[in-house]
Amino acid sequence: MKLKIIIFASLLGLLSACSQLAESAPAALPTHSLPTVVALTGEAIFATSNALTQTVPLTETPVPTKTPEPATPAPTATPTFEAGFTEYAQIHFLSPGPMSSLVSPIKLQVNLVSGESEKVLFDLIGEDGRLLQRLLKAVDHFPKGTFRTVDLSFEIRAVSEAGYIRISTKDKSGRIQALNTMPVLLYSIGTSQINPVGNMIYERAMLEGLKEGDIISGGVLNLKGRFWPFTDQPLVIELLLPDGEAIGSRILNFKGIEPESFETTLPYKVTEPTLARLSFRQDNSALSIADPDLKKYVYIYTMEVLLNP
């Protein structure tokens, strides 16, 4: 009997222990709650890791970019204005400019008034005056001028030499109406180096109170103005009849090649109203060979006037 009581008491103790274990065990999570638990656990891990690890902010290093260089403008003429010299020459060069270094062929650009003959003569002259190339072009007459491009080819024996591009026009009577020259350097090999034309686009003769077609009376033509010498040679002023005969002439000397004012008279004699061409011209003493027609002319400016007795 006593043994039964002891066994019964042991069983009661075991049952009590099991009951306490059952009460202390965690309740099972529903199946649908597992993803949430995993996510929360992951966040907790990363949060702890971030808290324990010093965060170094990323510094963005900009990649150097190539700044485009500004476009370099093409050389343009930058004329130096002189008092009174603002009228474009009847033959004015656009390219090449003075003392450009040129190889064959020369790309000539010019704006010109062709004259009454509507023929324009393009010459390329060597330093001794020999003719390297001559082209005669038909160009319609427009008072404001016409743009033209011409290729001038040449061959020289030396490596280099001085040269001249000379352009001339004539009127319907065959008198020179305009002539202009551009000094250049000619090379047998190499690459052309083009200089701007600068103030060589302007007429070198400026007259006060006289213009194309004016009527002159009294046997004396009064002249006043400014001239920009092309060379150190004298300036020859003439009144030319349609057949080329000079019925009045005057020679003016200048101190150098800087612009100078002048004032002079040009006597003439006619018996009836006569059309004459007033001509201003300079020679080029550096040329040893003179053209039979254009001589050693380096610059000519003209206008037509009506002479009365």
C-alpha atoms as a PDB file:
ATOM      1  CA  MET A   1       0.000   0.000   0.000  1.00  0.00           C
ATOM      2  CA  LYS A   2       2.790   2.369   0.889  1.00  0.00           C
ATOM      3  CA  LEU A   3       4.521   1.634  -2.452  1.00  0.00           C
ATOM      4  CA  LYS A   4       1.427   2.612  -4.416  1.00  0.00           C
ATOM      5  CA  ILE A   5       1.290   5.971  -2.689  1.00  0.00           C
ATOM      6  CA  ILE A   6       4.932   6.723  -3.657  1.00  0.00           C
ATOM      7  CA  ILE A   7       4.334   5.846  -7.365  1.00  0.00           C
ATOM      8  CA  PHE A   8       1.209   7.977  -7.484  1.00  0.00           C
ATOM      9  CA  ALA A   9       3.099  10.980  -6.055  1.00  0.00           C
ATOM     10  CA  SER A  10       5.836  10.590  -8.663  1.00  0.00           C
ATOM     11  CA  LEU A  11       3.293  10.571 -11.439  1.00  0.00           C
ATOM     12  CA  LEU A  12       1.750  13.771 -10.140  1.00  0.00           C
ATOM     13  CA  GLY A  13       5.198  15.431 -10.164  1.00  0.00           C
ATOM     14  CA  LEU A  14       5.848  14.422 -13.718  1.00  0.00           C
ATOM     15  CA  LEU A  15       2.475  15.741 -14.844  1.00  0.00           C
ATOM     16  CA  SER A  16       3.157  19.040 -13.118  1.00  0.00           C
ATOM     17  CA  ALA A  17       6.556  19.419 -14.812  1.00  0.00           C
ATOM     18  CA  CYS A  18       5.093  18.664 -18.233  1.00  0.00           C
ATOM     19  CA  SER A  19       2.400  21.251 -17.663  1.00  0.00           C
ATOM     20  CA  GLN A  20       4.996  23.918 -16.827  1.00  0.00           C
ATOM     21  CA  LEU A  21       7.020  23.009 -19.922  1.00  0.00           C
ATOM     22  CA  ALA A  22       3.936  23.271 -22.107  1.00  0.00           C
ATOM     23  CA  GLU A  23       3.089  26.706 -20.697  1.00  0.00           C
ATOM     24  CA  SER A  24       6.655  28.052 -21.299  1.00  0.00           C
ATOM     25  CA  ALA A  25       7.001  26.798 -24.970  1.00  0.00           C
ATOM     26  CA  PRO A  26       6.632  29.575 -27.716  1.00  0.00           C
ATOM     27  CA  ALA A  27       3.461  29.539 -29.717  1.00  0.00           C
ATOM     28  CA  ALA A  28       3.882  28.363 -33.370  1.00  0.00           C
ATOM     29  CA  LEU A  29       3.747  31.087 -36.089  1.00  0.00           C
ATOM     30  CA  PRO A  30       1.207  30.754 -38.791  1.00  0.00           C
ATOM     31  CA  THR A  31       2.632  29.752 -42.190  1.00  0.00           C
ATOM     32  CA  HIS A  32       1.671  33.061 -43.850  1.00  0.00           C
ATOM     33  CA  SER A  33       3.783  35.001 -41.316  1.00  0.00           C
ATOM     34  CA  LEU A  34       7.150  33.472 -42.386  1.00  0.00           C
ATOM     35  CA  PRO A  35       8.029  35.911 -45.229  1.00  0.00           C
ATOM     36  CA  THR A  36       7.434  38.833 -42.891  1.00  0.00           C
ATOM     37  CA  VAL A  37       9.673  37.364 -40.277  1.00  0.00           C
ATOM     38  CA  VAL A  38      12.438  36.739 -42.842  1.00  0.00           C
ATOM     39  CA  ALA A  39      12.198  40.268 -44.141  1.00  0.00           C
ATOM     40  CA  LEU A  40      12.240  41.812 -40.687  1.00  0.00           C
ATOM     41  CA  THR A  41      15.167  39.664 -39.699  1.00  0.00           C
ATOM     42  CA  GLY A  42      17.108  40.686 -42.812  1.00  0.00           C
ATOM     43  CA  GLU A  43      16.431  44.360 -42.131  1.00  0.00           C
ATOM     44  CA  ALA A  44      17.612  43.924 -38.555  1.00  0.00           C
ATOM     45  CA  ILE A  45      20.837  42.295 -39.710  1.00  0.00           C
ATOM     46  CA  PHE A  46      21.626  45.062 -42.243  1.00  0.00           C
ATOM     47  CA  ALA A  47      20.688  47.700 -39.691  1.00  0.00           C
ATOM     48  CA  THR A  48      23.054  46.221 -37.173  1.00  0.00           C
ATOM     49  CA  SER A  49      25.777  45.858 -39.785  1.00  0.00           C
ATOM     50  CA  ASN A  50      25.374  49.492 -40.810  1.00  0.00           C
ATOM     51  CA  ALA A  51      25.487  50.603 -37.213  1.00  0.00           C
ATOM     52  CA  LEU A  52      28.676  48.687 -36.524  1.00  0.00           C
ATOM     53  CA  THR A  53      30.413  49.588 -39.820  1.00  0.00           C
ATOM     54  CA  GLN A  54      31.506  53.187 -40.521  1.00  0.00           C
ATOM     55  CA  THR A  55      29.861  54.324 -43.705  1.00  0.00           C
ATOM     56  CA  VAL A  56      32.167  56.174 -46.097  1.00  0.00           C
ATOM     57  CA  PRO A  57      30.159  58.325 -48.493  1.00  0.00           C
ATOM     58  CA  LEU A  58      30.995  57.895 -52.138  1.00  0.00           C
ATOM     59  CA  THR A  59      32.700  60.879 -53.703  1.00  0.00           C
ATOM     60  CA  GLU A  60      31.814  61.394 -57.362  1.00  0.00           C
ATOM     61  CA  THR A  61      34.891  62.216 -59.400  1.00  0.00           C
ATOM     62  CA  PRO A  62      33.872  64.057 -62.541  1.00  0.00           C
ATOM     63  CA  VAL A  63      35.323  62.697 -65.759  1.00  0.00           C
ATOM     64  CA  PRO A  64      37.236  65.487 -67.470  1.00  0.00           C
ATOM     65  CA  THR A  65      35.569  66.539 -70.673  1.00  0.00           C
ATOM     66  CA  LYS A  66      37.309  68.176 -73.613  1.00  0.00           C
ATOM     67  CA  THR A  67      36.157  71.725 -74.006  1.00  0.00           C
ATOM     68  CA  PRO A  68      35.744  72.464 -77.721  1.00  0.00           C
ATOM     69  CA  GLU A  69      38.138  75.107 -78.904  1.00  0.00           C
ATOM     70  CA  PRO A  70      36.524  78.176 -80.408  1.00  0.00           C
ATOM     71  CA  ALA A  71      36.619  78.247 -84.164  1.00  0.00           C
ATOM     72  CA  THR A  72      39.366  80.427 -85.533  1.00  0.00           C
ATOM     73  CA  PRO A  73      37.884  82.870 -88.010  1.00  0.00           C
ATOM     74  CA  ALA A  74      39.426  83.046 -91.458  1.00  0.00           C
ATOM     75  CA  PRO A  75      41.752  85.945 -91.961  1.00  0.00           C
ATOM     76  CA  THR A  76      39.905  88.977 -93.130  1.00  0.00           C
ATOM     77  CA  ALA A  77      41.016  92.270 -94.445  1.00  0.00           C
ATOM     78  CA  THR A  78      41.445  94.884 -91.744  1.00  0.00           C
ATOM     79  CA  PRO A  79      41.873  98.089 -93.681  1.00  0.00           C
ATOM     80  CA  THR A  80      43.576 101.098 -92.151  1.00  0.00           C
ATOM     81  CA  PHE A  81      41.478 104.053 -93.186  1.00  0.00           C
ATOM     82  CA  GLU A  82      43.249 107.156 -94.416  1.00  0.00           C
ATOM     83  CA  ALA A  83      41.428 110.459 -94.721  1.00  0.00           C
ATOM     84  CA  GLY A  84      39.491 110.518 -97.973  1.00  0.00           C
ATOM     85  CA  PHE A  85      40.491 107.039 -99.152  1.00  0.00           C
ATOM     86  CA  THR A  86      37.202 105.192 -98.816  1.00  0.00           C
ATOM     87  CA  GLU A  87      36.227 104.652-102.455  1.00  0.00           C
ATOM     88  CA  TYR A  88      36.700 101.083-103.639  1.00  0.00           C
ATOM     89  CA  ALA A  89      39.181 100.754-106.477  1.00  0.00           C
ATOM     90  CA  GLN A  90      37.787  99.989-109.928  1.00  0.00           C
ATOM     91  CA  ILE A  91      40.032  96.934-109.680  1.00  0.00           C
ATOM     92  CA  HIS A  92      40.389  95.799-106.098  1.00  0.00           C
ATOM     93  CA  PHE A  93      41.989  92.554-105.019  1.00  0.00           C
ATOM     94  CA  LEU A  94      40.279  90.257-102.528  1.00  0.00           C
ATOM     95  CA  SER A  95      42.986  87.565-102.439  1.00  0.00           C
ATOM     96  CA  PRO A  96      45.942  87.206-102.353  1.00  0.00           C
ATOM     97  CA  GLY A  97      47.213  90.215-100.417  1.00  0.00           C
ATOM     98  CA  PRO A  98      50.558  92.027-100.680  1.00  0.00           C
ATOM     99  CA  MET A  99      53.706  89.898-100.377  1.00  0.00           C
ATOM    100  CA  SER A 100      51.799  86.634-100.136  1.00  0.00           C
ATOM    101  CA  SER A 101      53.991  83.572-100.724  1.00  0.00           C
ATOM    102  CA  LEU A 102      52.474  81.722-103.672  1.00  0.00           C
ATOM    103  CA  VAL A 103      52.994  78.459-105.529  1.00  0.00           C
ATOM    104  CA  SER A 104      51.377  77.583-108.846  1.00  0.00           C
ATOM    105  CA  PRO A 105      48.507  77.867-109.545  1.00  0.00           C
ATOM    106  CA  ILE A 106      47.559  81.167-107.906  1.00  0.00           C
ATOM    107  CA  LYS A 107      43.917  81.390-106.861  1.00  0.00           C
ATOM    108  CA  LEU A 108      43.135  85.017-107.667  1.00  0.00           C
ATOM    109  CA  GLN A 109      39.941  86.648-106.388  1.00  0.00           C
ATOM    110  CA  VAL A 110      39.042  90.144-107.458  1.00  0.00           C
ATOM    111  CA  ASN A 111      36.111  92.532-107.708  1.00  0.00           C
ATOM    112  CA  LEU A 112      36.341  94.845-110.723  1.00  0.00           C
ATOM    113  CA  VAL A 113      34.552  97.208-113.055  1.00  0.00           C
ATOM    114  CA  SER A 114      35.333  95.864-116.498  1.00  0.00           C
ATOM    115  CA  GLY A 115      35.309  99.168-118.393  1.00  0.00           C
ATOM    116  CA  GLU A 116      33.614 100.058-121.658  1.00  0.00           C
ATOM    117  CA  SER A 117      35.433  97.371-123.654  1.00  0.00           C
ATOM    118  CA  GLU A 118      34.112  94.651-121.317  1.00  0.00           C
ATOM    119  CA  LYS A 119      37.507  92.953-121.592  1.00  0.00           C
ATOM    120  CA  VAL A 120      39.868  92.411-118.668  1.00  0.00           C
ATOM    121  CA  LEU A 121      43.556  91.528-118.975  1.00  0.00           C
ATOM    122  CA  PHE A 122      45.169  89.421-116.220  1.00  0.00           C
ATOM    123  CA  ASP A 123      48.977  89.361-116.180  1.00  0.00           C
ATOM    124  CA  LEU A 124      51.445  87.522-113.972  1.00  0.00           C
ATOM    125  CA  ILE A 125      54.858  89.198-114.178  1.00  0.00           C
ATOM    126  CA  GLY A 126      58.238  87.983-112.917  1.00  0.00           C
ATOM    127  CA  GLU A 127      60.639  90.181-110.984  1.00  0.00           C
ATOM    128  CA  ASP A 128      62.563  91.178-114.133  1.00  0.00           C
ATOM    129  CA  GLY A 129      59.402  92.082-115.977  1.00  0.00           C
ATOM    130  CA  ARG A 130      59.013  88.937-118.063  1.00  0.00           C
ATOM    131  CA  LEU A 131      55.457  87.796-118.654  1.00  0.00           C
ATOM    132  CA  LEU A 132      54.738  84.465-116.918  1.00  0.00           C
ATOM    133  CA  GLN A 133      51.081  84.238-117.935  1.00  0.00           C
ATOM    134  CA  ARG A 134      48.485  86.431-119.640  1.00  0.00           C
ATOM    135  CA  LEU A 135      44.740  85.832-119.754  1.00  0.00           C
ATOM    136  CA  LEU A 136      42.149  87.996-121.513  1.00  0.00           C
ATOM    137  CA  LYS A 137      38.644  87.573-120.114  1.00  0.00           C
ATOM    138  CA  ALA A 138      35.297  88.938-121.274  1.00  0.00           C
ATOM    139  CA  VAL A 139      33.534  90.546-118.304  1.00  0.00           C
ATOM    140  CA  ASP A 140      30.197  92.350-118.490  1.00  0.00           C
ATOM    141  CA  HIS A 141      30.234  95.946-117.315  1.00  0.00           C
ATOM    142  CA  PHE A 142      28.481  96.665-114.026  1.00  0.00           C
ATOM    143  CA  PRO A 143      29.038 100.019-112.272  1.00  0.00           C
ATOM    144  CA  LYS A 144      29.291  98.334-108.864  1.00  0.00           C
ATOM    145  CA  GLY A 145      31.740  95.743-110.110  1.00  0.00           C
ATOM    146  CA  THR A 146      31.807  92.009-110.756  1.00  0.00           C
ATOM    147  CA  PHE A 147      33.388  89.238-108.694  1.00  0.00           C
ATOM    148  CA  ARG A 148      35.841  87.002-110.553  1.00  0.00           C
ATOM    149  CA  THR A 149      38.146  84.108-109.705  1.00  0.00           C
ATOM    150  CA  VAL A 150      41.076  83.306-111.977  1.00  0.00           C
ATOM    151  CA  ASP A 151      43.807  80.647-111.807  1.00  0.00           C
ATOM    152  CA  LEU A 152      47.254  81.899-112.783  1.00  0.00           C
ATOM    153  CA  SER A 153      49.869  79.214-113.449  1.00  0.00           C
ATOM    154  CA  PHE A 154      53.612  79.779-113.646  1.00  0.00           C
ATOM    155  CA  GLU A 155      57.024  78.151-113.754  1.00  0.00           C
ATOM    156  CA  ILE A 156      60.217  79.744-112.448  1.00  0.00           C
ATOM    157  CA  ARG A 157      63.792  78.473-112.509  1.00  0.00           C
ATOM    158  CA  ALA A 158      64.792  79.866-109.146  1.00  0.00           C
ATOM    159  CA  VAL A 159      63.413  78.671-105.817  1.00  0.00           C
ATOM    160  CA  SER A 160      61.684  82.025-105.388  1.00  0.00           C
ATOM    161  CA  GLU A 161      61.431  85.489-106.866  1.00  0.00           C
ATOM    162  CA  ALA A 162      59.376  88.641-106.554  1.00  0.00           C
ATOM    163  CA  GLY A 163      56.368  88.887-108.820  1.00  0.00           C
ATOM    164  CA  TYR A 164      53.382  91.057-109.675  1.00  0.00           C
ATOM    165  CA  ILE A 165      49.772  90.362-110.515  1.00  0.00           C
ATOM    166  CA  ARG A 166      48.604  93.126-112.831  1.00  0.00           C
ATOM    167  CA  ILE A 167      45.015  93.613-113.967  1.00  0.00           C
ATOM    168  CA  SER A 168      43.939  96.202-116.548  1.00  0.00           C
ATOM    169  CA  THR A 169      40.811  97.301-118.393  1.00  0.00           C
ATOM    170  CA  LYS A 170      40.296  99.515-121.440  1.00  0.00           C
ATOM    171  CA  ASP A 171      37.537 101.766-122.706  1.00  0.00           C
ATOM    172  CA  LYS A 172      35.864 101.465-126.099  1.00  0.00           C
ATOM    173  CA  SER A 173      38.584 103.655-127.664  1.00  0.00           C
ATOM    174  CA  GLY A 174      41.368 101.357-126.455  1.00  0.00           C
ATOM    175  CA  ARG A 175      42.652 103.710-123.741  1.00  0.00           C
ATOM    176  CA  ILE A 176      43.537 102.188-120.388  1.00  0.00           C
ATOM    177  CA  GLN A 177      40.571 102.784-118.118  1.00  0.00           C
ATOM    178  CA  ALA A 178      41.959 101.208-114.935  1.00  0.00           C
ATOM    179  CA  LEU A 179      45.088  99.302-113.907  1.00  0.00           C
ATOM    180  CA  ASN A 180      46.099  97.884-110.561  1.00  0.00           C
ATOM    181  CA  THR A 181      48.978  95.713-109.349  1.00  0.00           C
ATOM    182  CA  MET A 182      49.540  93.351-106.435  1.00  0.00           C
ATOM    183  CA  PRO A 183      53.149  92.568-105.390  1.00  0.00           C
ATOM    184  CA  VAL A 184      53.647  88.912-104.413  1.00  0.00           C
ATOM    185  CA  LEU A 185      56.387  86.339-103.830  1.00  0.00           C
ATOM    186  CA  LEU A 186      56.545  83.389-106.231  1.00  0.00           C
ATOM    187  CA  TYR A 187      57.871  79.979-105.114  1.00  0.00           C
ATOM    188  CA  SER A 188      58.625  76.918-107.218  1.00  0.00           C
ATOM    189  CA  ILE A 189      57.811  74.524-104.345  1.00  0.00           C
ATOM    190  CA  GLY A 190      56.062  74.662-100.985  1.00  0.00           C
ATOM    191  CA  THR A 191      52.673  75.799 -99.762  1.00  0.00           C
ATOM    192  CA  SER A 192      50.970  79.112-100.405  1.00  0.00           C
ATOM    193  CA  GLN A 193      50.752  81.554 -97.504  1.00  0.00           C
ATOM    194  CA  ILE A 194      48.035  84.134 -98.145  1.00  0.00           C
ATOM    195  CA  ASN A 195      48.162  87.602 -96.589  1.00  0.00           C
ATOM    196  CA  PRO A 196      45.069  89.812 -96.243  1.00  0.00           C
ATOM    197  CA  VAL A 197      44.695  92.648 -98.726  1.00  0.00           C
ATOM    198  CA  GLY A 198      44.276  95.348 -96.063  1.00  0.00           C
ATOM    199  CA  ASN A 199      43.761  98.871 -97.345  1.00  0.00           C
ATOM    200  CA  MET A 200      44.767  97.998-100.919  1.00  0.00           C
ATOM    201  CA  ILE A 201      41.076  97.651-101.784  1.00  0.00           C
ATOM    202  CA  TYR A 202      40.731 101.445-102.044  1.00  0.00           C
ATOM    203  CA  GLU A 203      41.421 103.796-104.914  1.00  0.00           C
ATOM    204  CA  ARG A 204      44.717 105.634-104.486  1.00  0.00           C
ATOM    205  CA  ALA A 205      43.513 108.846-106.104  1.00  0.00           C
ATOM    206  CA  MET A 206      40.941 111.031-104.389  1.00  0.00           C
ATOM    207  CA  LEU A 207      39.720 114.201-106.121  1.00  0.00           C
ATOM    208  CA  GLU A 208      37.711 117.013-104.591  1.00  0.00           C
ATOM    209  CA  GLY A 209      34.923 118.614-106.600  1.00  0.00           C
ATOM    210  CA  LEU A 210      35.420 116.486-109.714  1.00  0.00           C
ATOM    211  CA  LYS A 211      33.576 113.379-110.853  1.00  0.00           C
ATOM    212  CA  GLU A 212      32.972 111.240-113.919  1.00  0.00           C
ATOM    213  CA  GLY A 213      31.304 113.144-116.787  1.00  0.00           C
ATOM    214  CA  ASP A 214      31.891 116.669-115.440  1.00  0.00           C
ATOM    215  CA  ILE A 215      32.044 119.552-117.947  1.00  0.00           C
ATOM    216  CA  ILE A 216      35.218 121.661-117.861  1.00  0.00           C
ATOM    217  CA  SER A 217      35.491 125.069-119.493  1.00  0.00           C
ATOM    218  CA  GLY A 218      38.043 127.860-119.823  1.00  0.00           C
ATOM    219  CA  GLY A 219      41.086 125.894-120.993  1.00  0.00           C
ATOM    220  CA  VAL A 220      42.265 124.948-117.484  1.00  0.00           C
ATOM    221  CA  LEU A 221      41.334 121.933-115.366  1.00  0.00           C
ATOM    222  CA  ASN A 222      41.842 122.657-111.660  1.00  0.00           C
ATOM    223  CA  LEU A 223      42.812 119.611-109.647  1.00  0.00           C
ATOM    224  CA  LYS A 224      42.805 119.206-105.893  1.00  0.00           C
ATOM    225  CA  GLY A 225      42.869 116.066-103.813  1.00  0.00           C
ATOM    226  CA  ARG A 226      45.047 113.414-102.221  1.00  0.00           C
ATOM    227  CA  PHE A 227      47.163 110.645-103.671  1.00  0.00           C
ATOM    228  CA  TRP A 228      48.561 107.497-102.099  1.00  0.00           C
ATOM    229  CA  PRO A 229      51.745 106.665-104.039  1.00  0.00           C
ATOM    230  CA  PHE A 230      52.213 103.066-105.075  1.00  0.00           C
ATOM    231  CA  THR A 231      55.945 103.533-105.643  1.00  0.00           C
ATOM    232  CA  ASP A 232      58.524 106.295-105.277  1.00  0.00           C
ATOM    233  CA  GLN A 233      58.100 107.214-108.946  1.00  0.00           C
ATOM    234  CA  PRO A 234      56.464 110.500-110.068  1.00  0.00           C
ATOM    235  CA  LEU A 235      52.720 110.703-110.646  1.00  0.00           C
ATOM    236  CA  VAL A 236      51.872 111.490-114.267  1.00  0.00           C
ATOM    237  CA  ILE A 237      48.569 113.287-114.869  1.00  0.00           C
ATOM    238  CA  GLU A 238      47.291 113.504-118.456  1.00  0.00           C
ATOM    239  CA  LEU A 239      44.271 114.455-120.533  1.00  0.00           C
ATOM    240  CA  LEU A 240      43.973 111.864-123.309  1.00  0.00           C
ATOM    241  CA  LEU A 241      41.939 112.175-126.487  1.00  0.00           C
ATOM    242  CA  PRO A 242      40.117 109.101-127.885  1.00  0.00           C
ATOM    243  CA  ASP A 243      43.120 108.328-130.098  1.00  0.00           C
ATOM    244  CA  GLY A 244      45.448 108.361-127.081  1.00  0.00           C
ATOM    245  CA  GLU A 245      47.034 111.758-127.781  1.00  0.00           C
ATOM    246  CA  ALA A 246      47.792 113.787-124.651  1.00  0.00           C
ATOM    247  CA  ILE A 247      46.522 117.375-124.831  1.00  0.00           C
ATOM    248  CA  GLY A 248      47.589 118.266-121.302  1.00  0.00           C
ATOM    249  CA  SER A 249      50.008 116.780-118.811  1.00  0.00           C
ATOM    250  CA  ARG A 250      51.502 117.394-115.396  1.00  0.00           C
ATOM    251  CA  ILE A 251      54.118 115.532-113.319  1.00  0.00           C
ATOM    252  CA  LEU A 252      53.917 115.512-109.529  1.00  0.00           C
ATOM    253  CA  ASN A 253      56.655 114.277-107.192  1.00  0.00           C
ATOM    254  CA  PHE A 254      55.963 113.011-103.699  1.00  0.00           C
ATOM    255  CA  LYS A 255      58.235 112.646-100.694  1.00  0.00           C
ATOM    256  CA  GLY A 256      57.662 108.917-100.272  1.00  0.00           C
ATOM    257  CA  ILE A 257      54.846 106.398-100.380  1.00  0.00           C
ATOM    258  CA  GLU A 258      52.652 107.954 -97.707  1.00  0.00           C
ATOM    259  CA  PRO A 259      49.394 109.716 -98.696  1.00  0.00           C
ATOM    260  CA  GLU A 260      49.881 113.378 -99.630  1.00  0.00           C
ATOM    261  CA  SER A 261      47.599 116.225-100.601  1.00  0.00           C
ATOM    262  CA  PHE A 262      48.107 117.981-103.913  1.00  0.00           C
ATOM    263  CA  GLU A 263      46.734 120.944-105.804  1.00  0.00           C
ATOM    264  CA  THR A 264      47.646 121.760-109.399  1.00  0.00           C
ATOM    265  CA  THR A 265      46.291 122.922-112.755  1.00  0.00           C
ATOM    266  CA  LEU A 266      46.163 121.125-116.084  1.00  0.00           C
ATOM    267  CA  PRO A 267      45.974 123.490-119.073  1.00  0.00           C
ATOM    268  CA  TYR A 268      44.383 122.184-122.289  1.00  0.00           C
ATOM    269  CA  LYS A 269      43.376 123.521-125.670  1.00  0.00           C
ATOM    270  CA  VAL A 270      40.367 122.426-127.739  1.00  0.00           C
ATOM    271  CA  THR A 271      38.294 124.174-130.419  1.00  0.00           C
ATOM    272  CA  GLU A 272      35.053 122.296-129.747  1.00  0.00           C
ATOM    273  CA  PRO A 273      33.477 120.178-127.004  1.00  0.00           C
ATOM    274  CA  THR A 274      35.732 117.170-126.668  1.00  0.00           C
ATOM    275  CA  LEU A 275      35.531 114.044-124.546  1.00  0.00           C
ATOM    276  CA  ALA A 276      38.851 113.315-122.859  1.00  0.00           C
ATOM    277  CA  ARG A 277      40.025 110.802-120.304  1.00  0.00           C
ATOM    278  CA  LEU A 278      41.764 112.241-117.239  1.00  0.00           C
ATOM    279  CA  SER A 279      44.464 109.762-116.243  1.00  0.00           C
ATOM    280  CA  PHE A 280      46.630 109.380-113.114  1.00  0.00           C
ATOM    281  CA  ARG A 281      49.420 106.826-113.491  1.00  0.00           C
ATOM    282  CA  GLN A 282      52.595 105.562-111.839  1.00  0.00           C
ATOM    283  CA  ASP A 283      55.374 103.346-113.176  1.00  0.00           C
ATOM    284  CA  ASN A 284      57.231 100.490-111.501  1.00  0.00           C
ATOM    285  CA  SER A 285      60.948 101.195-111.788  1.00  0.00           C
ATOM    286  CA  ALA A 286      61.783  97.673-110.550  1.00  0.00           C
ATOM    287  CA  LEU A 287      60.676  96.161-113.850  1.00  0.00           C
ATOM    288  CA  SER A 288      63.556  95.822-116.273  1.00  0.00           C
ATOM    289  CA  ILE A 289      61.355  94.726-119.177  1.00  0.00           C
ATOM    290  CA  ALA A 290      58.591  97.046-120.302  1.00  0.00           C
ATOM    291  CA  ASP A 291      55.400  95.729-121.879  1.00  0.00           C
ATOM    292  CA  PRO A 292      54.952  97.352-125.330  1.00  0.00           C
ATOM    293  CA  ASP A 293      51.359  98.232-124.469  1.00  0.00           C
ATOM    294  CA  LEU A 294      51.235  98.536-120.661  1.00  0.00           C
ATOM    295  CA  LYS A 295      54.855  99.771-120.358  1.00  0.00           C
ATOM    296  CA  LYS A 296      55.979  99.632-116.712  1.00  0.00           C
ATOM    297  CA  TYR A 297      52.645 100.839-115.370  1.00  0.00           C
ATOM    298  CA  VAL A 298      51.823  99.771-111.849  1.00  0.00           C
ATOM    299  CA  TYR A 299      48.711 101.880-111.190  1.00  0.00           C
ATOM    300  CA  ILE A 300      46.281 103.884-113.332  1.00  0.00           C
ATOM    301  CA  TYR A 301      43.107 105.699-112.300  1.00  0.00           C
ATOM    302  CA  THR A 302      40.945 107.497-114.859  1.00  0.00           C
ATOM    303  CA  MET A 303      37.689 109.307-115.385  1.00  0.00           C
ATOM    304  CA  GLU A 304      36.097 110.827-118.496  1.00  0.00           C
ATOM    305  CA  VAL A 305      35.345 114.547-118.667  1.00  0.00           C
ATOM    306  CA  LEU A 306      33.923 116.877-121.340  1.00  0.00           C
ATOM    307  CA  LEU A 307      36.274 119.713-122.292  1.00  0.00           C
ATOM    308  CA  ASN A 308      34.874 122.956-123.642  1.00  0.00           C
ATOM    309  CA  PRO A 309      37.028 125.672-125.231  1.00  0.00           C
END
